[in-house]
Amino acid sequence: SGVSYPSAYVNMTPPTDNLYQNVNFGTISAGEL
């Protein structure tokens, strides 16, 4: 994303079990609670 890092230090493997998915920055309603 436009920032340069030494290649030896970059983890190219995507996480196998991402804890945080489906980001939704809308209001959390009573129905969701």
PDB file of all heavy atoms in Angstrom:
ATOM      1  N   SER A   1       0.820  -1.210   0.000  1.00  0.00           N
ATOM      2  CA  SER A   1       0.000   0.000   0.000  1.00  0.00           C
ATOM      3  C   SER A   1       0.852   1.256   0.000  1.00  0.00           C
ATOM      4  O   SER A   1       0.599   2.207   0.729  1.00  0.00           O
ATOM      5  CB  SER A   1      -0.942   0.011   1.202  1.00  0.00           C
ATOM      6  OG  SER A   1      -1.771  -1.104   1.165  1.00  0.00           O
ATOM      7  N   GLY A   2       1.902   1.241  -0.806  1.00  0.00           N
ATOM      8  CA  GLY A   2       2.707   2.433  -0.959  1.00  0.00           C
ATOM      9  C   GLY A   2       3.816   2.579   0.045  1.00  0.00           C
ATOM     10  O   GLY A   2       4.571   3.548   0.008  1.00  0.00           O
ATOM     11  N   VAL A   3       3.954   1.643   0.981  1.00  0.00           N
ATOM     12  CA  VAL A   3       5.008   1.698   1.987  1.00  0.00           C
ATOM     13  C   VAL A   3       6.003   0.602   1.700  1.00  0.00           C
ATOM     14  O   VAL A   3       5.628  -0.552   1.513  1.00  0.00           O
ATOM     15  CB  VAL A   3       4.441   1.536   3.414  1.00  0.00           C
ATOM     16  CG1 VAL A   3       5.551   1.638   4.438  1.00  0.00           C
ATOM     17  CG2 VAL A   3       3.372   2.598   3.674  1.00  0.00           C
ATOM     18  N   SER A   4       7.256   0.926   1.679  1.00  0.00           N
ATOM     19  CA  SER A   4       8.285  -0.030   1.293  1.00  0.00           C
ATOM     20  C   SER A   4       8.860  -0.732   2.503  1.00  0.00           C
ATOM     21  O   SER A   4       9.182  -0.097   3.508  1.00  0.00           O
ATOM     22  CB  SER A   4       9.413   0.693   0.543  1.00  0.00           C
ATOM     23  OG  SER A   4      10.404  -0.217   0.153  1.00  0.00           O
ATOM     24  N   TYR A   5       8.958  -2.073   2.419  1.00  0.00           N
ATOM     25  CA  TYR A   5       9.515  -2.888   3.495  1.00  0.00           C
ATOM     26  C   TYR A   5      10.532  -3.844   2.901  1.00  0.00           C
ATOM     27  O   TYR A   5      10.364  -4.318   1.773  1.00  0.00           O
ATOM     28  CB  TYR A   5       8.428  -3.725   4.181  1.00  0.00           C
ATOM     29  CG  TYR A   5       7.348  -2.896   4.807  1.00  0.00           C
ATOM     30  CD1 TYR A   5       6.210  -2.561   4.087  1.00  0.00           C
ATOM     31  CD2 TYR A   5       7.481  -2.450   6.111  1.00  0.00           C
ATOM     32  CE1 TYR A   5       5.222  -1.791   4.657  1.00  0.00           C
ATOM     33  CE2 TYR A   5       6.483  -1.686   6.694  1.00  0.00           C
ATOM     34  CZ  TYR A   5       5.361  -1.350   5.963  1.00  0.00           C
ATOM     35  OH  TYR A   5       4.385  -0.591   6.516  1.00  0.00           O
ATOM     36  N   PRO A   6      11.591  -4.173   3.635  1.00  0.00           N
ATOM     37  CA  PRO A   6      12.518  -5.204   3.169  1.00  0.00           C
ATOM     38  C   PRO A   6      11.767  -6.509   2.994  1.00  0.00           C
ATOM     39  O   PRO A   6      11.009  -6.913   3.869  1.00  0.00           O
ATOM     40  CB  PRO A   6      13.554  -5.287   4.297  1.00  0.00           C
ATOM     41  CG  PRO A   6      13.448  -3.974   5.018  1.00  0.00           C
ATOM     42  CD  PRO A   6      12.016  -3.557   4.893  1.00  0.00           C
ATOM     43  N   SER A   7      11.975  -7.199   1.840  1.00  0.00           N
ATOM     44  CA  SER A   7      11.184  -8.381   1.517  1.00  0.00           C
ATOM     45  C   SER A   7      11.382  -9.505   2.509  1.00  0.00           C
ATOM     46  O   SER A   7      10.496 -10.316   2.715  1.00  0.00           O
ATOM     47  CB  SER A   7      11.540  -8.865   0.109  1.00  0.00           C
ATOM     48  OG  SER A   7      12.923  -9.189   0.039  1.00  0.00           O
ATOM     49  N   ALA A   8      12.510  -9.581   3.143  1.00  0.00           N
ATOM     50  CA  ALA A   8      12.778 -10.679   4.071  1.00  0.00           C
ATOM     51  C   ALA A   8      11.887 -10.612   5.301  1.00  0.00           C
ATOM     52  O   ALA A   8      11.755 -11.592   6.026  1.00  0.00           O
ATOM     53  CB  ALA A   8      14.239 -10.657   4.507  1.00  0.00           C
ATOM     54  N   TYR A   9      11.266  -9.463   5.540  1.00  0.00           N
ATOM     55  CA  TYR A   9      10.506  -9.297   6.771  1.00  0.00           C
ATOM     56  C   TYR A   9       9.006  -9.230   6.545  1.00  0.00           C
ATOM     57  O   TYR A   9       8.254  -8.937   7.452  1.00  0.00           O
ATOM     58  CB  TYR A   9      10.951  -8.016   7.493  1.00  0.00           C
ATOM     59  CG  TYR A   9      12.353  -8.125   8.012  1.00  0.00           C
ATOM     60  CD1 TYR A   9      13.409  -7.650   7.247  1.00  0.00           C
ATOM     61  CD2 TYR A   9      12.615  -8.725   9.232  1.00  0.00           C
ATOM     62  CE1 TYR A   9      14.708  -7.752   7.705  1.00  0.00           C
ATOM     63  CE2 TYR A   9      13.918  -8.834   9.696  1.00  0.00           C
ATOM     64  CZ  TYR A   9      14.953  -8.348   8.929  1.00  0.00           C
ATOM     65  OH  TYR A   9      16.238  -8.466   9.376  1.00  0.00           O
ATOM     66  N   VAL A  10       8.582  -9.477   5.315  1.00  0.00           N
ATOM     67  CA  VAL A  10       7.158  -9.409   5.032  1.00  0.00           C
ATOM     68  C   VAL A  10       6.562 -10.804   5.041  1.00  0.00           C
ATOM     69  O   VAL A  10       7.074 -11.706   4.378  1.00  0.00           O
ATOM     70  CB  VAL A  10       6.884  -8.719   3.696  1.00  0.00           C
ATOM     71  CG1 VAL A  10       5.390  -8.767   3.379  1.00  0.00           C
ATOM     72  CG2 VAL A  10       7.361  -7.283   3.751  1.00  0.00           C
ATOM     73  N   ASN A  11       5.479 -10.999   5.801  1.00  0.00           N
ATOM     74  CA  ASN A  11       4.787 -12.280   5.865  1.00  0.00           C
ATOM     75  C   ASN A  11       3.787 -12.342   4.724  1.00  0.00           C
ATOM     76  O   ASN A  11       2.780 -11.645   4.723  1.00  0.00           O
ATOM     77  CB  ASN A  11       4.076 -12.416   7.217  1.00  0.00           C
ATOM     78  CG  ASN A  11       3.375 -13.746   7.364  1.00  0.00           C
ATOM     79  OD1 ASN A  11       3.401 -14.569   6.457  1.00  0.00           O
ATOM     80  ND2 ASN A  11       2.765 -13.956   8.520  1.00  0.00           N
ATOM     81  N   MET A  12       4.069 -13.162   3.732  1.00  0.00           N
ATOM     82  CA  MET A  12       3.211 -13.248   2.548  1.00  0.00           C
ATOM     83  C   MET A  12       2.021 -14.175   2.754  1.00  0.00           C
ATOM     84  O   MET A  12       1.127 -14.230   1.929  1.00  0.00           O
ATOM     85  CB  MET A  12       4.026 -13.748   1.350  1.00  0.00           C
ATOM     86  CG  MET A  12       5.087 -12.769   0.876  1.00  0.00           C
ATOM     87  SD  MET A  12       4.329 -11.343   0.083  1.00  0.00           S
ATOM     88  CE  MET A  12       3.626 -12.108  -1.371  1.00  0.00           C
ATOM     89  N   THR A  13       2.014 -14.943   3.828  1.00  0.00           N
ATOM     90  CA  THR A  13       0.948 -15.923   4.052  1.00  0.00           C
ATOM     91  C   THR A  13      -0.252 -15.269   4.705  1.00  0.00           C
ATOM     92  O   THR A  13      -0.136 -14.717   5.794  1.00  0.00           O
ATOM     93  CB  THR A  13       1.453 -17.069   4.956  1.00  0.00           C
ATOM     94  OG1 THR A  13       2.635 -17.609   4.385  1.00  0.00           O
ATOM     95  CG2 THR A  13       0.387 -18.139   5.094  1.00  0.00           C
ATOM     96  N   PRO A  14      -1.401 -15.286   4.038  1.00  0.00           N
ATOM     97  CA  PRO A  14      -2.586 -14.693   4.656  1.00  0.00           C
ATOM     98  C   PRO A  14      -3.017 -15.510   5.858  1.00  0.00           C
ATOM     99  O   PRO A  14      -2.750 -16.709   5.932  1.00  0.00           O
ATOM    100  CB  PRO A  14      -3.637 -14.746   3.549  1.00  0.00           C
ATOM    101  CG  PRO A  14      -3.190 -15.865   2.668  1.00  0.00           C
ATOM    102  CD  PRO A  14      -1.700 -15.873   2.724  1.00  0.00           C
ATOM    103  N   PRO A  15      -3.629 -14.896   6.825  1.00  0.00           N
ATOM    104  CA  PRO A  15      -4.050 -15.637   8.027  1.00  0.00           C
ATOM    105  C   PRO A  15      -5.047 -16.724   7.672  1.00  0.00           C
ATOM    106  O   PRO A  15      -5.914 -16.541   6.831  1.00  0.00           O
ATOM    107  CB  PRO A  15      -4.690 -14.553   8.906  1.00  0.00           C
ATOM    108  CG  PRO A  15      -5.091 -13.481   7.949  1.00  0.00           C
ATOM    109  CD  PRO A  15      -4.072 -13.502   6.847  1.00  0.00           C
ATOM    110  N   THR A  16      -4.889 -17.886   8.333  1.00  0.00           N
ATOM    111  CA  THR A  16      -5.786 -19.016   8.054  1.00  0.00           C
ATOM    112  C   THR A  16      -7.090 -18.906   8.823  1.00  0.00           C
ATOM    113  O   THR A  16      -8.077 -19.526   8.482  1.00  0.00           O
ATOM    114  CB  THR A  16      -5.097 -20.341   8.419  1.00  0.00           C
ATOM    115  OG1 THR A  16      -4.728 -20.301   9.798  1.00  0.00           O
ATOM    116  CG2 THR A  16      -3.857 -20.542   7.570  1.00  0.00           C
ATOM    117  N   ASP A  17      -7.083 -18.126   9.899  1.00  0.00           N
ATOM    118  CA  ASP A  17      -8.285 -18.036  10.717  1.00  0.00           C
ATOM    119  C   ASP A  17      -8.431 -16.602  11.203  1.00  0.00           C
ATOM    120  O   ASP A  17      -8.132 -16.285  12.344  1.00  0.00           O
ATOM    121  CB  ASP A  17      -8.204 -19.005  11.900  1.00  0.00           C
ATOM    122  CG  ASP A  17      -9.509 -19.048  12.686  1.00  0.00           C
ATOM    123  OD1 ASP A  17     -10.547 -18.667  12.136  1.00  0.00           O
ATOM    124  OD2 ASP A  17      -9.456 -19.461  13.849  1.00  0.00           O
ATOM    125  N   ASN A  18      -8.855 -15.738  10.321  1.00  0.00           N
ATOM    126  CA  ASN A  18      -8.988 -14.335  10.673  1.00  0.00           C
ATOM    127  C   ASN A  18     -10.136 -14.147  11.655  1.00  0.00           C
ATOM    128  O   ASN A  18     -11.275 -14.503  11.384  1.00  0.00           O
ATOM    129  CB  ASN A  18      -9.247 -13.516   9.407  1.00  0.00           C
ATOM    130  CG  ASN A  18      -9.111 -12.026   9.659  1.00  0.00           C
ATOM    131  OD1 ASN A  18      -8.889 -11.602  10.791  1.00  0.00           O
ATOM    132  ND2 ASN A  18      -9.247 -11.249   8.609  1.00  0.00           N
ATOM    133  N   LEU A  19      -9.822 -13.562  12.806  1.00  0.00           N
ATOM    134  CA  LEU A  19     -10.835 -13.375  13.834  1.00  0.00           C
ATOM    135  C   LEU A  19     -11.793 -12.257  13.475  1.00  0.00           C
ATOM    136  O   LEU A  19     -12.931 -12.227  13.933  1.00  0.00           O
ATOM    137  CB  LEU A  19     -10.167 -13.050  15.173  1.00  0.00           C
ATOM    138  CG  LEU A  19      -9.261 -14.122  15.763  1.00  0.00           C
ATOM    139  CD1 LEU A  19      -8.583 -13.581  17.008  1.00  0.00           C
ATOM    140  CD2 LEU A  19     -10.043 -15.370  16.094  1.00  0.00           C
ATOM    141  N   TYR A  20     -11.330 -11.331  12.664  1.00  0.00           N
ATOM    142  CA  TYR A  20     -12.115 -10.138  12.371  1.00  0.00           C
ATOM    143  C   TYR A  20     -12.490 -10.130  10.897  1.00  0.00           C
ATOM    144  O   TYR A  20     -11.639  -9.979  10.025  1.00  0.00           O
ATOM    145  CB  TYR A  20     -11.318  -8.877  12.718  1.00  0.00           C
ATOM    146  CG  TYR A  20     -10.887  -8.854  14.160  1.00  0.00           C
ATOM    147  CD1 TYR A  20      -9.660  -9.389  14.541  1.00  0.00           C
ATOM    148  CD2 TYR A  20     -11.703  -8.315  15.141  1.00  0.00           C
ATOM    149  CE1 TYR A  20      -9.266  -9.370  15.870  1.00  0.00           C
ATOM    150  CE2 TYR A  20     -11.322  -8.300  16.459  1.00  0.00           C
ATOM    151  CZ  TYR A  20     -10.100  -8.822  16.828  1.00  0.00           C
ATOM    152  OH  TYR A  20      -9.720  -8.814  18.137  1.00  0.00           O
ATOM    153  N   GLN A  21     -13.736 -10.314  10.630  1.00  0.00           N
ATOM    154  CA  GLN A  21     -14.216 -10.361   9.255  1.00  0.00           C
ATOM    155  C   GLN A  21     -15.484  -9.534   9.130  1.00  0.00           C
ATOM    156  O   GLN A  21     -16.138  -9.207  10.119  1.00  0.00           O
ATOM    157  CB  GLN A  21     -14.499 -11.805   8.820  1.00  0.00           C
ATOM    158  CG  GLN A  21     -13.255 -12.688   8.842  1.00  0.00           C
ATOM    159  CD  GLN A  21     -13.581 -14.147   8.557  1.00  0.00           C
ATOM    160  OE1 GLN A  21     -14.749 -14.508   8.531  1.00  0.00           O
ATOM    161  NE2 GLN A  21     -12.571 -14.946   8.338  1.00  0.00           N
ATOM    162  N   ASN A  22     -15.812  -9.212   7.883  1.00  0.00           N
ATOM    163  CA  ASN A  22     -17.059  -8.506   7.581  1.00  0.00           C
ATOM    164  C   ASN A  22     -17.178  -7.204   8.365  1.00  0.00           C
ATOM    165  O   ASN A  22     -18.086  -7.000   9.163  1.00  0.00           O
ATOM    166  CB  ASN A  22     -18.270  -9.395   7.882  1.00  0.00           C
ATOM    167  CG  ASN A  22     -18.217 -10.698   7.108  1.00  0.00           C
ATOM    168  OD1 ASN A  22     -17.795 -10.721   5.947  1.00  0.00           O
ATOM    169  ND2 ASN A  22     -18.622 -11.782   7.742  1.00  0.00           N
ATOM    170  N   VAL A  23     -16.200  -6.332   8.135  1.00  0.00           N
ATOM    171  CA  VAL A  23     -16.213  -5.052   8.830  1.00  0.00           C
ATOM    172  C   VAL A  23     -17.466  -4.273   8.443  1.00  0.00           C
ATOM    173  O   VAL A  23     -17.776  -4.105   7.277  1.00  0.00           O
ATOM    174  CB  VAL A  23     -14.959  -4.231   8.485  1.00  0.00           C
ATOM    175  CG1 VAL A  23     -14.997  -2.890   9.205  1.00  0.00           C
ATOM    176  CG2 VAL A  23     -13.718  -4.997   8.870  1.00  0.00           C
ATOM    177  N   ASN A  24     -18.194  -3.810   9.449  1.00  0.00           N
ATOM    178  CA  ASN A  24     -19.394  -3.013   9.211  1.00  0.00           C
ATOM    179  C   ASN A  24     -19.387  -1.875  10.208  1.00  0.00           C
ATOM    180  O   ASN A  24     -19.585  -2.074  11.396  1.00  0.00           O
ATOM    181  CB  ASN A  24     -20.647  -3.875   9.385  1.00  0.00           C
ATOM    182  CG  ASN A  24     -21.920  -3.049   9.302  1.00  0.00           C
ATOM    183  OD1 ASN A  24     -21.896  -1.912   8.838  1.00  0.00           O
ATOM    184  ND2 ASN A  24     -23.016  -3.617   9.757  1.00  0.00           N
ATOM    185  N   PHE A  25     -19.123  -0.681   9.708  1.00  0.00           N
ATOM    186  CA  PHE A  25     -18.973   0.455  10.601  1.00  0.00           C
ATOM    187  C   PHE A  25     -20.293   1.177  10.853  1.00  0.00           C
ATOM    188  O   PHE A  25     -20.305   2.299  11.308  1.00  0.00           O
ATOM    189  CB  PHE A  25     -17.936   1.434  10.031  1.00  0.00           C
ATOM    190  CG  PHE A  25     -16.544   0.899  10.110  1.00  0.00           C
ATOM    191  CD1 PHE A  25     -15.872   0.515   8.967  1.00  0.00           C
ATOM    192  CD2 PHE A  25     -15.904   0.776  11.332  1.00  0.00           C
ATOM    193  CE1 PHE A  25     -14.584   0.031   9.035  1.00  0.00           C
ATOM    194  CE2 PHE A  25     -14.614   0.287  11.408  1.00  0.00           C
ATOM    195  CZ  PHE A  25     -13.943  -0.091  10.258  1.00  0.00           C
ATOM    196  N   GLY A  26     -21.405   0.527  10.534  1.00  0.00           N
ATOM    197  CA  GLY A  26     -22.695   1.128  10.822  1.00  0.00           C
ATOM    198  C   GLY A  26     -23.032   1.029  12.299  1.00  0.00           C
ATOM    199  O   GLY A  26     -22.325   0.413  13.096  1.00  0.00           O
ATOM    200  N   THR A  27     -24.129   1.645  12.667  1.00  0.00           N
ATOM    201  CA  THR A  27     -24.579   1.614  14.049  1.00  0.00           C
ATOM    202  C   THR A  27     -24.988   0.198  14.452  1.00  0.00           C
ATOM    203  O   THR A  27     -25.620  -0.513  13.686  1.00  0.00           O
ATOM    204  CB  THR A  27     -25.780   2.562  14.238  1.00  0.00           C
ATOM    205  OG1 THR A  27     -25.382   3.881  13.873  1.00  0.00           O
ATOM    206  CG2 THR A  27     -26.262   2.551  15.674  1.00  0.00           C
ATOM    207  N   ILE A  28     -24.599  -0.194  15.649  1.00  0.00           N
ATOM    208  CA  ILE A  28     -25.026  -1.484  16.187  1.00  0.00           C
ATOM    209  C   ILE A  28     -26.395  -1.292  16.820  1.00  0.00           C
ATOM    210  O   ILE A  28     -26.558  -0.523  17.768  1.00  0.00           O
ATOM    211  CB  ILE A  28     -24.023  -2.014  17.227  1.00  0.00           C
ATOM    212  CG1 ILE A  28     -22.650  -2.208  16.576  1.00  0.00           C
ATOM    213  CG2 ILE A  28     -24.512  -3.319  17.827  1.00  0.00           C
ATOM    214  CD1 ILE A  28     -21.588  -2.696  17.546  1.00  0.00           C
ATOM    215  N   SER A  29     -27.380  -1.979  16.303  1.00  0.00           N
ATOM    216  CA  SER A  29     -28.759  -1.791  16.740  1.00  0.00           C
ATOM    217  C   SER A  29     -29.138  -2.787  17.821  1.00  0.00           C
ATOM    218  O   SER A  29     -28.400  -3.726  18.129  1.00  0.00           O
ATOM    219  CB  SER A  29     -29.704  -1.940  15.547  1.00  0.00           C
ATOM    220  OG  SER A  29     -29.676  -3.278  15.069  1.00  0.00           O
ATOM    221  N   ALA A  30     -30.340  -2.593  18.366  1.00  0.00           N
ATOM    222  CA  ALA A  30     -30.849  -3.517  19.383  1.00  0.00           C
ATOM    223  C   ALA A  30     -31.009  -4.913  18.809  1.00  0.00           C
ATOM    224  O   ALA A  30     -30.812  -5.910  19.508  1.00  0.00           O
ATOM    225  CB  ALA A  30     -32.183  -3.004  19.929  1.00  0.00           C
ATOM    226  N   GLY A  31     -31.393  -4.991  17.529  1.00  0.00           N
ATOM    227  CA  GLY A  31     -31.539  -6.301  16.904  1.00  0.00           C
ATOM    228  C   GLY A  31     -30.242  -7.064  16.871  1.00  0.00           C
ATOM    229  O   GLY A  31     -30.206  -8.277  17.058  1.00  0.00           O
ATOM    230  N   GLU A  32     -29.127  -6.352  16.629  1.00  0.00           N
ATOM    231  CA  GLU A  32     -27.824  -7.001  16.612  1.00  0.00           C
ATOM    232  C   GLU A  32     -27.373  -7.376  18.021  1.00  0.00           C
ATOM    233  O   GLU A  32     -26.688  -8.372  18.217  1.00  0.00           O
ATOM    234  CB  GLU A  32     -26.798  -6.083  15.951  1.00  0.00           C
ATOM    235  CG  GLU A  32     -27.038  -5.856  14.472  1.00  0.00           C
ATOM    236  CD  GLU A  32     -26.074  -4.841  13.893  1.00  0.00           C
ATOM    237  OE1 GLU A  32     -26.266  -3.638  14.135  1.00  0.00           O
ATOM    238  OE2 GLU A  32     -25.129  -5.256  13.197  1.00  0.00           O
ATOM    239  N   LEU A  33     -27.745  -6.558  19.000  1.00  0.00           N
ATOM    240  CA  LEU A  33     -27.388  -6.882  20.380  1.00  0.00           C
ATOM    241  C   LEU A  33     -28.144  -8.101  20.881  1.00  0.00           C
ATOM    242  O   LEU A  33     -27.617  -8.869  21.689  1.00  0.00           O
ATOM    243  CB  LEU A  33     -27.686  -5.688  21.282  1.00  0.00           C
ATOM    244  CG  LEU A  33     -26.777  -4.474  21.154  1.00  0.00           C
ATOM    245  CD1 LEU A  33     -27.281  -3.353  22.048  1.00  0.00           C
ATOM    246  CD2 LEU A  33     -25.346  -4.824  21.502  1.00  0.00           C
TER     247      LEU A  33
END
